[in-house]
Amino acid sequence: MKIILRKDFEGVGKAGELVTVKDGYARNFLIPQGIALKADAAAVKQLEAERKMQEMKVSRSKKAAEQLAEELAKVSCTATVTVGEEDKVFGSVTSQQIADLLKEKGYEIDKKKIRLDEPIKALGIYDVAIKLHPEVETKIKLWVVKE
């Protein structure tokens, strides 16, 4: 039976592909689970409409991420840390603290999107990468100063 996959399914194919599987597998498992549709003219038309909607959604989110990236490239944050003798920082500056600093400036950025190669454990100026979209990344300036 020819089917159109609606979702990626291991061992069968990727979403949007037209594949041939055994009749019982399609009728009893793939179609009832919503993983696939029987390949007829209406299903192909519906799949094309869904694909266009998905592409529009992705392009909108990418444009929004690019605009936010332009704004964030101009932002600089200052993290004040407690230091000991010889300006040794107690602890480190984490992605959560950077997210909180950005929130104070009016930018809601999830801490998981902030990319730190290693924890920031010294005073200085750092470029911190933020991945806003799979194809959009920007950097902000982070000043780490003593209290």
C-alpha atoms as a PDB file:
ATOM      1  CA  MET A   1       0.000   0.000   0.000  1.00  0.00           C
ATOM      2  CA  LYS A   2       1.277   3.466  -0.816  1.00  0.00           C
ATOM      3  CA  ILE A   3       1.166   5.908   2.087  1.00  0.00           C
ATOM      4  CA  ILE A   4       2.298   9.435   2.842  1.00  0.00           C
ATOM      5  CA  LEU A   5       4.156   9.835   6.123  1.00  0.00           C
ATOM      6  CA  ARG A   6       2.986  12.702   8.319  1.00  0.00           C
ATOM      7  CA  LYS A   7       5.788  12.252  10.859  1.00  0.00           C
ATOM      8  CA  ASP A   8       9.331  10.914  10.758  1.00  0.00           C
ATOM      9  CA  PHE A   9       9.214   7.224  11.582  1.00  0.00           C
ATOM     10  CA  GLU A  10      12.308   5.100  12.072  1.00  0.00           C
ATOM     11  CA  GLY A  11      12.633   2.289   9.575  1.00  0.00           C
ATOM     12  CA  VAL A  12       9.946   3.681   7.269  1.00  0.00           C
ATOM     13  CA  GLY A  13      10.959   7.197   6.224  1.00  0.00           C
ATOM     14  CA  LYS A  14      10.737  10.911   6.864  1.00  0.00           C
ATOM     15  CA  ALA A  15       7.679  13.163   7.055  1.00  0.00           C
ATOM     16  CA  GLY A  16       6.225  14.034   3.653  1.00  0.00           C
ATOM     17  CA  GLU A  17       7.664  11.011   1.846  1.00  0.00           C
ATOM     18  CA  LEU A  18       5.561   8.697  -0.308  1.00  0.00           C
ATOM     19  CA  VAL A  19       6.482   5.119   0.692  1.00  0.00           C
ATOM     20  CA  THR A  20       5.189   1.617   0.071  1.00  0.00           C
ATOM     21  CA  VAL A  21       4.550  -0.646   3.073  1.00  0.00           C
ATOM     22  CA  LYS A  22       2.599  -3.830   3.673  1.00  0.00           C
ATOM     23  CA  ASP A  23      -1.172  -3.358   3.735  1.00  0.00           C
ATOM     24  CA  GLY A  24      -1.688  -4.655   7.274  1.00  0.00           C
ATOM     25  CA  TYR A  25       1.103  -2.498   8.713  1.00  0.00           C
ATOM     26  CA  ALA A  26      -0.428   0.616   7.170  1.00  0.00           C
ATOM     27  CA  ARG A  27      -4.081  -0.194   8.022  1.00  0.00           C
ATOM     28  CA  ASN A  28      -3.518  -1.507  11.535  1.00  0.00           C
ATOM     29  CA  PHE A  29      -0.692   0.675  12.824  1.00  0.00           C
ATOM     30  CA  LEU A  30       0.538   3.636  10.788  1.00  0.00           C
ATOM     31  CA  ILE A  31      -2.817   5.141   9.780  1.00  0.00           C
ATOM     32  CA  PRO A  32      -4.612   4.731  13.180  1.00  0.00           C
ATOM     33  CA  GLN A  33      -1.606   6.219  15.001  1.00  0.00           C
ATOM     34  CA  GLY A  34      -1.723   9.293  12.753  1.00  0.00           C
ATOM     35  CA  ILE A  35       1.759   8.590  11.434  1.00  0.00           C
ATOM     36  CA  ALA A  36       0.614   8.139   7.845  1.00  0.00           C
ATOM     37  CA  LEU A  37      -2.213   8.786   5.379  1.00  0.00           C
ATOM     38  CA  LYS A  38      -3.332   6.600   2.501  1.00  0.00           C
ATOM     39  CA  ALA A  39      -1.799   8.070  -0.645  1.00  0.00           C
ATOM     40  CA  ASP A  40      -4.715   9.437  -2.657  1.00  0.00           C
ATOM     41  CA  ALA A  41      -5.262  12.792  -4.382  1.00  0.00           C
ATOM     42  CA  ALA A  42      -6.943  14.399  -1.328  1.00  0.00           C
ATOM     43  CA  ALA A  43      -4.167  13.292   1.023  1.00  0.00           C
ATOM     44  CA  VAL A  44      -1.461  14.630  -1.296  1.00  0.00           C
ATOM     45  CA  LYS A  45      -3.282  17.962  -1.485  1.00  0.00           C
ATOM     46  CA  GLN A  46      -3.638  18.121   2.304  1.00  0.00           C
ATOM     47  CA  LEU A  47       0.051  17.282   2.741  1.00  0.00           C
ATOM     48  CA  GLU A  48       1.068  20.097   0.391  1.00  0.00           C
ATOM     49  CA  ALA A  49      -1.092  22.557   2.339  1.00  0.00           C
ATOM     50  CA  GLU A  50       0.466  21.454   5.642  1.00  0.00           C
ATOM     51  CA  ARG A  51       3.960  21.712   4.152  1.00  0.00           C
ATOM     52  CA  LYS A  52       3.289  25.282   2.981  1.00  0.00           C
ATOM     53  CA  MET A  53       1.948  26.251   6.412  1.00  0.00           C
ATOM     54  CA  GLN A  54       5.031  24.740   8.081  1.00  0.00           C
ATOM     55  CA  GLU A  55       7.371  26.601   5.723  1.00  0.00           C
ATOM     56  CA  MET A  56       5.570  29.882   6.424  1.00  0.00           C
ATOM     57  CA  LYS A  57       5.805  29.284  10.169  1.00  0.00           C
ATOM     58  CA  VAL A  58       9.539  28.537   9.959  1.00  0.00           C
ATOM     59  CA  SER A  59      10.231  31.610   7.821  1.00  0.00           C
ATOM     60  CA  ARG A  60       8.275  33.832  10.245  1.00  0.00           C
ATOM     61  CA  SER A  61      10.164  32.499  13.254  1.00  0.00           C
ATOM     62  CA  LYS A  62      13.484  32.950  11.424  1.00  0.00           C
ATOM     63  CA  LYS A  63      12.651  36.579  10.557  1.00  0.00           C
ATOM     64  CA  ALA A  64      11.695  37.274  14.168  1.00  0.00           C
ATOM     65  CA  ALA A  65      14.937  35.652  15.355  1.00  0.00           C
ATOM     66  CA  GLU A  66      16.980  37.752  12.898  1.00  0.00           C
ATOM     67  CA  GLN A  67      15.360  40.957  14.142  1.00  0.00           C
ATOM     68  CA  LEU A  68      15.998  39.978  17.757  1.00  0.00           C
ATOM     69  CA  ALA A  69      19.603  39.091  16.852  1.00  0.00           C
ATOM     70  CA  GLU A  70      20.147  42.585  15.437  1.00  0.00           C
ATOM     71  CA  GLU A  71      18.820  44.133  18.656  1.00  0.00           C
ATOM     72  CA  LEU A  72      20.845  41.827  20.908  1.00  0.00           C
ATOM     73  CA  ALA A  73      24.075  42.515  19.012  1.00  0.00           C
ATOM     74  CA  LYS A  74      23.913  46.068  20.408  1.00  0.00           C
ATOM     75  CA  VAL A  75      23.266  44.942  23.999  1.00  0.00           C
ATOM     76  CA  SER A  76      25.898  44.785  26.693  1.00  0.00           C
ATOM     77  CA  CYS A  77      25.312  43.434  30.207  1.00  0.00           C
ATOM     78  CA  THR A  78      27.266  43.839  33.402  1.00  0.00           C
ATOM     79  CA  ALA A  79      27.535  41.014  35.915  1.00  0.00           C
ATOM     80  CA  THR A  80      28.833  41.966  39.337  1.00  0.00           C
ATOM     81  CA  VAL A  81      30.568  39.147  41.185  1.00  0.00           C
ATOM     82  CA  THR A  82      32.119  38.683  44.590  1.00  0.00           C
ATOM     83  CA  VAL A  83      35.886  38.362  44.470  1.00  0.00           C
ATOM     84  CA  GLY A  84      38.495  37.311  46.957  1.00  0.00           C
ATOM     85  CA  GLU A  85      42.191  37.988  47.196  1.00  0.00           C
ATOM     86  CA  GLU A  86      43.995  38.656  43.910  1.00  0.00           C
ATOM     87  CA  ASP A  87      40.607  39.250  42.204  1.00  0.00           C
ATOM     88  CA  LYS A  88      39.709  35.547  42.283  1.00  0.00           C
ATOM     89  CA  VAL A  89      35.986  35.102  41.508  1.00  0.00           C
ATOM     90  CA  PHE A  90      33.888  33.031  43.907  1.00  0.00           C
ATOM     91  CA  GLY A  91      31.823  30.647  41.795  1.00  0.00           C
ATOM     92  CA  SER A  92      31.128  31.512  38.180  1.00  0.00           C
ATOM     93  CA  VAL A  93      28.749  33.434  35.949  1.00  0.00           C
ATOM     94  CA  THR A  94      26.137  30.996  34.623  1.00  0.00           C
ATOM     95  CA  SER A  95      23.781  31.079  31.672  1.00  0.00           C
ATOM     96  CA  GLN A  96      20.884  31.559  34.126  1.00  0.00           C
ATOM     97  CA  GLN A  97      22.491  34.740  35.482  1.00  0.00           C
ATOM     98  CA  ILE A  98      23.025  36.015  31.930  1.00  0.00           C
ATOM     99  CA  ALA A  99      19.373  35.246  31.107  1.00  0.00           C
ATOM    100  CA  ASP A 100      18.318  37.217  34.211  1.00  0.00           C
ATOM    101  CA  LEU A 101      20.494  40.172  33.153  1.00  0.00           C
ATOM    102  CA  LEU A 102      18.883  40.128  29.706  1.00  0.00           C
ATOM    103  CA  LYS A 103      15.431  39.921  31.302  1.00  0.00           C
ATOM    104  CA  GLU A 104      16.185  43.109  33.241  1.00  0.00           C
ATOM    105  CA  LYS A 105      16.924  44.779  29.907  1.00  0.00           C
ATOM    106  CA  GLY A 106      13.589  43.546  28.486  1.00  0.00           C
ATOM    107  CA  TYR A 107      14.681  40.469  26.502  1.00  0.00           C
ATOM    108  CA  GLU A 108      13.125  37.086  27.317  1.00  0.00           C
ATOM    109  CA  ILE A 109      15.868  34.607  26.401  1.00  0.00           C
ATOM    110  CA  ASP A 110      15.800  31.005  27.599  1.00  0.00           C
ATOM    111  CA  LYS A 111      18.992  30.001  29.431  1.00  0.00           C
ATOM    112  CA  LYS A 112      19.304  26.942  27.164  1.00  0.00           C
ATOM    113  CA  LYS A 113      19.827  29.226  24.175  1.00  0.00           C
ATOM    114  CA  ILE A 114      22.849  30.894  25.795  1.00  0.00           C
ATOM    115  CA  ARG A 115      26.033  29.132  24.690  1.00  0.00           C
ATOM    116  CA  LEU A 116      28.955  29.192  27.121  1.00  0.00           C
ATOM    117  CA  ASP A 117      32.016  27.196  26.028  1.00  0.00           C
ATOM    118  CA  GLU A 118      33.130  27.049  29.642  1.00  0.00           C
ATOM    119  CA  PRO A 119      31.964  28.709  32.865  1.00  0.00           C
ATOM    120  CA  ILE A 120      33.053  32.325  33.267  1.00  0.00           C
ATOM    121  CA  LYS A 121      35.332  32.363  36.309  1.00  0.00           C
ATOM    122  CA  ALA A 122      37.367  35.538  35.828  1.00  0.00           C
ATOM    123  CA  LEU A 123      36.863  39.278  35.590  1.00  0.00           C
ATOM    124  CA  GLY A 124      36.853  40.758  32.109  1.00  0.00           C
ATOM    125  CA  ILE A 125      34.857  41.301  28.935  1.00  0.00           C
ATOM    126  CA  TYR A 126      33.325  38.306  27.190  1.00  0.00           C
ATOM    127  CA  ASP A 127      31.422  37.702  23.963  1.00  0.00           C
ATOM    128  CA  VAL A 128      28.565  35.365  24.826  1.00  0.00           C
ATOM    129  CA  ALA A 129      26.878  33.482  21.969  1.00  0.00           C
ATOM    130  CA  ILE A 130      23.088  33.149  21.908  1.00  0.00           C
ATOM    131  CA  LYS A 131      21.445  30.712  19.491  1.00  0.00           C
ATOM    132  CA  LEU A 132      17.981  32.112  18.760  1.00  0.00           C
ATOM    133  CA  HIS A 133      17.068  29.800  15.867  1.00  0.00           C
ATOM    134  CA  PRO A 134      18.793  26.799  14.255  1.00  0.00           C
ATOM    135  CA  GLU A 135      20.138  29.178  11.585  1.00  0.00           C
ATOM    136  CA  VAL A 136      20.432  32.422  13.619  1.00  0.00           C
ATOM    137  CA  GLU A 137      23.080  33.120  16.244  1.00  0.00           C
ATOM    138  CA  THR A 138      24.228  36.392  17.787  1.00  0.00           C
ATOM    139  CA  LYS A 139      26.663  37.583  20.436  1.00  0.00           C
ATOM    140  CA  ILE A 140      26.305  39.984  23.341  1.00  0.00           C
ATOM    141  CA  LYS A 141      29.009  41.713  25.372  1.00  0.00           C
ATOM    142  CA  LEU A 142      29.223  40.602  28.994  1.00  0.00           C
ATOM    143  CA  TRP A 143      31.240  42.678  31.427  1.00  0.00           C
ATOM    144  CA  VAL A 144      32.228  40.765  34.558  1.00  0.00           C
ATOM    145  CA  VAL A 145      33.200  43.271  37.251  1.00  0.00           C
ATOM    146  CA  LYS A 146      33.857  43.005  40.968  1.00  0.00           C
ATOM    147  CA  GLU A 147      31.326  44.121  43.526  1.00  0.00           C
END
